[in-house]
Amino acid sequence: MALLEIDDVVVTYQGARALRGVTVSVEAGEIVAVIGANGAGKTTCLRAVSGLKRPDSGEIRFDGRRIDTLPARETVARGVIHIPEGKRLFSRMSVRENLEMGTFLRRDRREIEADLARVFERFPILKTREKQQAGSLSGGEQQLLAFARGVMGRPRVLLVDEPTVGVAPLLVQELARTLREINRDGVAILLVEQNAAMALRLAQRGYVLETGTVVLSGKTDELAGNDYVRKAYLGK
């Protein structure tokens, strides 16, 4: 049984079928990538998992229990943390205040302080910016803050949506390295990403989503060698 199971999920969004029977799974400790063009349904898939968009049909299970009928707050409480596209930081709040917002369901103050110390150790740039407004950070620093805020929720699985959008190319590998480190701590990751080359290097398995349908899936080395994927998504 996979840790996260998206089973034959259909979602209608703004009057159109955004997902058409999508099935995706993520094992414990695994990084899984979902690649596809704009409008393929990638973001809708993550929104359905996190409880922000209710599926019309199908099931979503986490650790063997259905979560597609739960409010988003309860999904977060179970350890499913969504890092949305565009970071969605509180721009006028400080870096530290944004990190503390990631703990809004926690009551273990002593452990929260310990986790803050660990986050600042892992992300030293955030420590130097601790009292700075989040909106004044660079695009790459804001994405690191979004990752760190997600970690503060003590996730079992992170849903990461388009982390490289608006980030300088030189920082893309740093973001990938950060996700790999988070994964090494035992956090499973479902990564939605238009940068297919980066996503396929980072993940162990992947899915190709087109017009709301999974058209290919498999190990990422197999997908990277697939002629269609190479031509359509890798520019080879």
Protein backbone atom coordinates (compact mmCIF):
# COMPACT_ATOMS: atom_id res chain seq x y z
CA MET A 1 0.00 0.00 0.00
CA ALA A 2 1.42 3.36 -1.04
CA LEU A 3 1.60 6.24 1.42
CA LEU A 4 -0.41 8.49 -0.93
CA GLU A 5 -2.86 7.08 -3.48
CA ILE A 6 -4.75 9.14 -6.04
CA ASP A 7 -7.19 6.65 -7.53
CA ASP A 8 -9.16 7.38 -10.74
CA VAL A 9 -9.80 10.97 -9.71
CA VAL A 10 -12.02 13.25 -11.80
CA VAL A 11 -12.13 16.99 -11.12
CA THR A 12 -14.17 19.67 -12.86
CA TYR A 13 -12.64 23.11 -12.64
CA GLN A 14 -14.30 26.27 -13.93
CA GLY A 15 -16.74 24.22 -16.00
CA ALA A 16 -14.12 22.03 -17.66
CA ARG A 17 -12.75 18.58 -16.86
CA ALA A 18 -9.33 19.32 -15.37
CA LEU A 19 -8.61 15.72 -14.32
CA ARG A 20 -10.00 12.73 -16.21
CA GLY A 21 -9.51 9.63 -14.12
CA VAL A 22 -6.00 10.35 -12.83
CA THR A 23 -4.21 7.63 -10.86
CA VAL A 24 -0.93 8.46 -9.12
CA SER A 25 0.84 6.91 -6.13
CA VAL A 26 3.69 7.94 -3.85
CA GLU A 27 5.51 5.46 -1.65
CA ALA A 28 6.92 6.39 1.75
CA GLY A 29 10.29 8.11 1.34
CA GLU A 30 9.88 8.53 -2.41
CA ILE A 31 10.06 11.55 -4.71
CA VAL A 32 7.53 11.36 -7.54
CA ALA A 33 7.39 13.94 -10.35
CA VAL A 34 4.38 14.99 -12.39
CA ILE A 35 5.35 16.81 -15.57
CA GLY A 36 3.25 18.36 -18.30
CA ALA A 37 2.47 21.58 -20.11
CA ASN A 38 0.44 24.48 -18.72
CA GLY A 39 -3.20 23.49 -18.39
CA ALA A 40 -2.45 19.77 -18.14
CA GLY A 41 -4.06 19.54 -14.69
CA LYS A 42 -0.92 19.33 -12.56
CA THR A 43 -1.87 22.03 -10.07
CA THR A 44 -5.45 20.74 -9.86
CA CYS A 45 -4.07 17.33 -8.92
CA LEU A 46 -2.22 18.80 -5.92
CA ARG A 47 -5.21 20.94 -4.93
CA ALA A 48 -7.40 17.83 -4.91
CA VAL A 49 -4.96 16.03 -2.60
CA SER A 50 -4.65 18.93 -0.15
CA GLY A 51 -8.41 19.43 0.09
CA LEU A 52 -8.57 22.74 -1.78
CA LYS A 53 -10.59 21.19 -4.63
CA ARG A 54 -13.12 18.41 -4.09
CA PRO A 55 -12.98 15.56 -6.64
CA ASP A 56 -16.16 14.75 -8.57
CA SER A 57 -15.31 11.06 -8.35
CA GLY A 58 -12.48 8.71 -7.44
CA GLU A 59 -10.66 8.43 -4.12
CA ILE A 60 -7.57 9.92 -2.52
CA ARG A 61 -6.03 7.94 0.32
CA PHE A 62 -3.24 8.81 2.70
CA ASP A 63 -1.72 6.09 4.84
CA GLY A 64 -4.64 3.84 3.88
CA ARG A 65 -7.41 6.29 4.85
CA ARG A 66 -9.53 8.43 2.57
CA ILE A 67 -8.79 12.15 2.75
CA ASP A 68 -10.75 13.46 -0.26
CA THR A 69 -13.77 14.09 1.93
CA LEU A 70 -11.84 15.96 4.64
CA PRO A 71 -11.46 19.73 5.05
CA ALA A 72 -8.02 21.06 4.11
CA ARG A 73 -7.19 21.75 7.77
CA GLU A 74 -7.62 18.08 8.68
CA THR A 75 -5.49 16.99 5.71
CA VAL A 76 -2.69 19.24 6.97
CA ALA A 77 -3.07 17.81 10.46
CA ARG A 78 -2.43 14.33 9.08
CA GLY A 79 0.89 15.41 7.62
CA VAL A 80 0.03 16.37 4.03
CA ILE A 81 1.58 19.81 3.43
CA HIS A 82 1.01 21.80 0.22
CA ILE A 83 3.63 24.28 -1.02
CA PRO A 84 1.70 26.10 -3.75
CA GLU A 85 3.00 27.73 -6.90
CA GLY A 86 4.02 31.34 -6.31
CA LYS A 87 5.21 30.61 -2.74
CA ARG A 88 2.12 32.32 -1.18
CA LEU A 89 4.15 33.86 1.60
CA PHE A 90 2.93 36.58 3.94
CA SER A 91 4.99 39.27 2.27
CA ARG A 92 4.70 41.91 5.01
CA MET A 93 5.53 39.48 7.78
CA SER A 94 9.08 38.62 8.75
CA VAL A 95 10.87 35.45 7.75
CA ARG A 96 10.51 34.10 11.29
CA GLU A 97 6.79 34.95 11.41
CA ASN A 98 6.26 33.10 8.13
CA LEU A 99 8.02 30.05 9.55
CA GLU A 100 5.85 30.20 12.65
CA MET A 101 2.73 30.27 10.45
CA GLY A 102 3.75 26.80 9.27
CA THR A 103 3.09 25.54 12.79
CA PHE A 104 -0.45 26.87 13.15
CA LEU A 105 -1.88 23.45 14.05
CA ARG A 106 0.91 22.59 16.49
CA ARG A 107 0.86 23.25 20.23
CA ASP A 108 4.27 21.81 21.18
CA ARG A 109 6.04 25.15 21.74
CA ARG A 110 9.33 23.65 22.89
CA GLU A 111 9.51 21.38 19.85
CA ILE A 112 8.59 24.27 17.57
CA GLU A 113 11.57 26.24 18.86
CA ALA A 114 13.81 23.23 18.29
CA ASP A 115 12.49 22.87 14.73
CA LEU A 116 13.10 26.58 14.10
CA ALA A 117 16.71 26.13 15.18
CA ARG A 118 17.10 23.17 12.81
CA VAL A 119 15.53 25.11 9.94
CA PHE A 120 17.91 28.02 10.48
CA GLU A 121 20.81 25.57 10.56
CA ARG A 122 19.72 24.01 7.26
CA PHE A 123 18.86 27.36 5.64
CA PRO A 124 21.50 29.78 6.98
CA ILE A 125 20.40 32.48 4.53
CA LEU A 126 17.03 32.54 6.28
CA LYS A 127 18.74 33.01 9.64
CA THR A 128 20.49 36.11 8.33
CA ARG A 129 17.11 37.36 7.05
CA GLU A 130 15.14 36.31 10.15
CA LYS A 131 13.66 39.76 10.86
CA GLN A 132 13.40 40.85 7.23
CA GLN A 133 10.03 41.05 5.46
CA ALA A 134 9.45 37.97 3.30
CA GLY A 135 8.41 40.13 0.35
CA SER A 136 11.85 41.72 0.20
CA LEU A 137 13.63 38.40 -0.41
CA SER A 138 14.81 37.30 -3.85
CA GLY A 139 12.75 34.74 -5.74
CA GLY A 140 15.08 31.91 -4.78
CA GLU A 141 15.14 32.95 -1.13
CA GLN A 142 11.35 33.13 -1.08
CA GLN A 143 11.15 29.58 -2.42
CA LEU A 144 13.57 28.37 0.25
CA LEU A 145 11.35 30.07 2.83
CA ALA A 146 8.31 28.31 1.37
CA PHE A 147 10.13 24.96 1.68
CA ALA A 148 11.17 25.77 5.25
CA ARG A 149 7.66 26.84 6.24
CA GLY A 150 6.36 23.52 4.89
CA VAL A 151 8.94 21.61 6.91
CA MET A 152 7.82 23.43 10.06
CA GLY A 153 4.49 21.62 9.75
CA ARG A 154 6.33 18.28 10.22
CA PRO A 155 5.05 16.79 6.95
CA ARG A 156 4.98 13.15 6.00
CA VAL A 157 4.45 14.14 2.39
CA LEU A 158 5.10 17.49 0.69
CA LEU A 159 3.06 18.56 -2.32
CA VAL A 160 5.38 20.93 -4.19
CA ASP A 161 3.95 22.99 -7.06
CA GLU A 162 6.28 24.57 -9.65
CA PRO A 163 9.13 25.54 -7.28
CA THR A 164 11.40 26.90 -10.05
CA VAL A 165 8.92 29.45 -11.45
CA GLY A 166 10.40 32.94 -11.11
CA VAL A 167 13.73 31.60 -9.85
CA ALA A 168 17.05 32.43 -11.49
CA PRO A 169 18.49 29.43 -13.42
CA LEU A 170 21.59 29.37 -11.20
CA LEU A 171 19.40 28.66 -8.17
CA VAL A 172 17.41 25.79 -9.67
CA GLN A 173 20.00 23.19 -8.65
CA GLU A 174 20.10 24.62 -5.13
CA LEU A 175 16.34 24.18 -4.86
CA ALA A 176 16.63 20.62 -6.17
CA ARG A 177 19.36 19.89 -3.63
CA THR A 178 17.17 21.26 -0.84
CA LEU A 179 14.26 19.04 -1.83
CA ARG A 180 16.60 16.05 -1.90
CA GLU A 181 17.79 16.84 1.63
CA ILE A 182 14.22 17.16 2.88
CA ASN A 183 13.46 13.80 1.28
CA ARG A 184 16.46 12.23 3.01
CA ASP A 185 14.85 13.20 6.31
CA GLY A 186 12.06 10.76 5.45
CA VAL A 187 9.57 13.13 3.83
CA ALA A 188 7.89 11.84 0.67
CA ILE A 189 7.49 14.44 -2.09
CA LEU A 190 4.98 14.78 -4.92
CA LEU A 191 6.59 17.33 -7.23
CA VAL A 192 4.74 19.18 -9.99
CA GLU A 193 7.22 20.89 -12.28
CA GLN A 194 7.45 22.31 -15.80
CA ASN A 195 11.23 21.97 -15.73
CA ALA A 196 11.03 18.34 -16.78
CA ALA A 197 14.78 17.79 -16.91
CA MET A 198 15.22 18.86 -13.29
CA ALA A 199 12.17 16.94 -12.11
CA LEU A 200 13.21 13.69 -13.77
CA ARG A 201 16.73 13.95 -12.35
CA LEU A 202 15.38 14.53 -8.85
CA ALA A 203 12.57 11.96 -8.67
CA GLN A 204 12.59 8.16 -8.68
CA ARG A 205 9.32 7.80 -10.59
CA GLY A 206 7.25 10.10 -12.73
CA TYR A 207 3.98 10.69 -14.53
CA VAL A 208 3.30 12.66 -17.70
CA LEU A 209 -0.01 14.49 -17.54
CA GLU A 210 -1.71 15.86 -20.66
CA THR A 211 -5.17 17.45 -20.78
CA GLY A 212 -6.06 15.88 -17.44
CA THR A 213 -4.96 12.37 -18.33
CA VAL A 214 -1.87 10.35 -17.38
CA VAL A 215 -0.36 9.40 -20.73
CA LEU A 216 2.92 7.91 -19.48
CA SER A 217 4.34 6.73 -16.17
CA GLY A 218 7.35 4.82 -14.93
CA LYS A 219 10.83 5.15 -13.51
CA THR A 220 12.32 8.52 -14.30
CA ASP A 221 15.32 7.12 -16.16
CA GLU A 222 12.91 5.28 -18.45
CA LEU A 223 10.82 8.41 -19.00
CA ALA A 224 13.93 10.50 -19.69
CA GLY A 225 14.88 8.00 -22.40
CA ASN A 226 11.42 7.90 -23.96
CA ASP A 227 11.46 9.45 -27.45
CA TYR A 228 8.18 11.28 -26.94
CA VAL A 229 9.24 12.73 -23.57
CA ARG A 230 12.61 13.76 -24.98
CA LYS A 231 11.03 15.61 -27.90
CA ALA A 232 8.04 17.12 -26.09
CA TYR A 233 9.54 17.99 -22.71
CA LEU A 234 13.33 17.77 -22.83
CA GLY A 235 13.99 19.51 -26.13
CA LYS A 236 16.09 16.64 -27.50
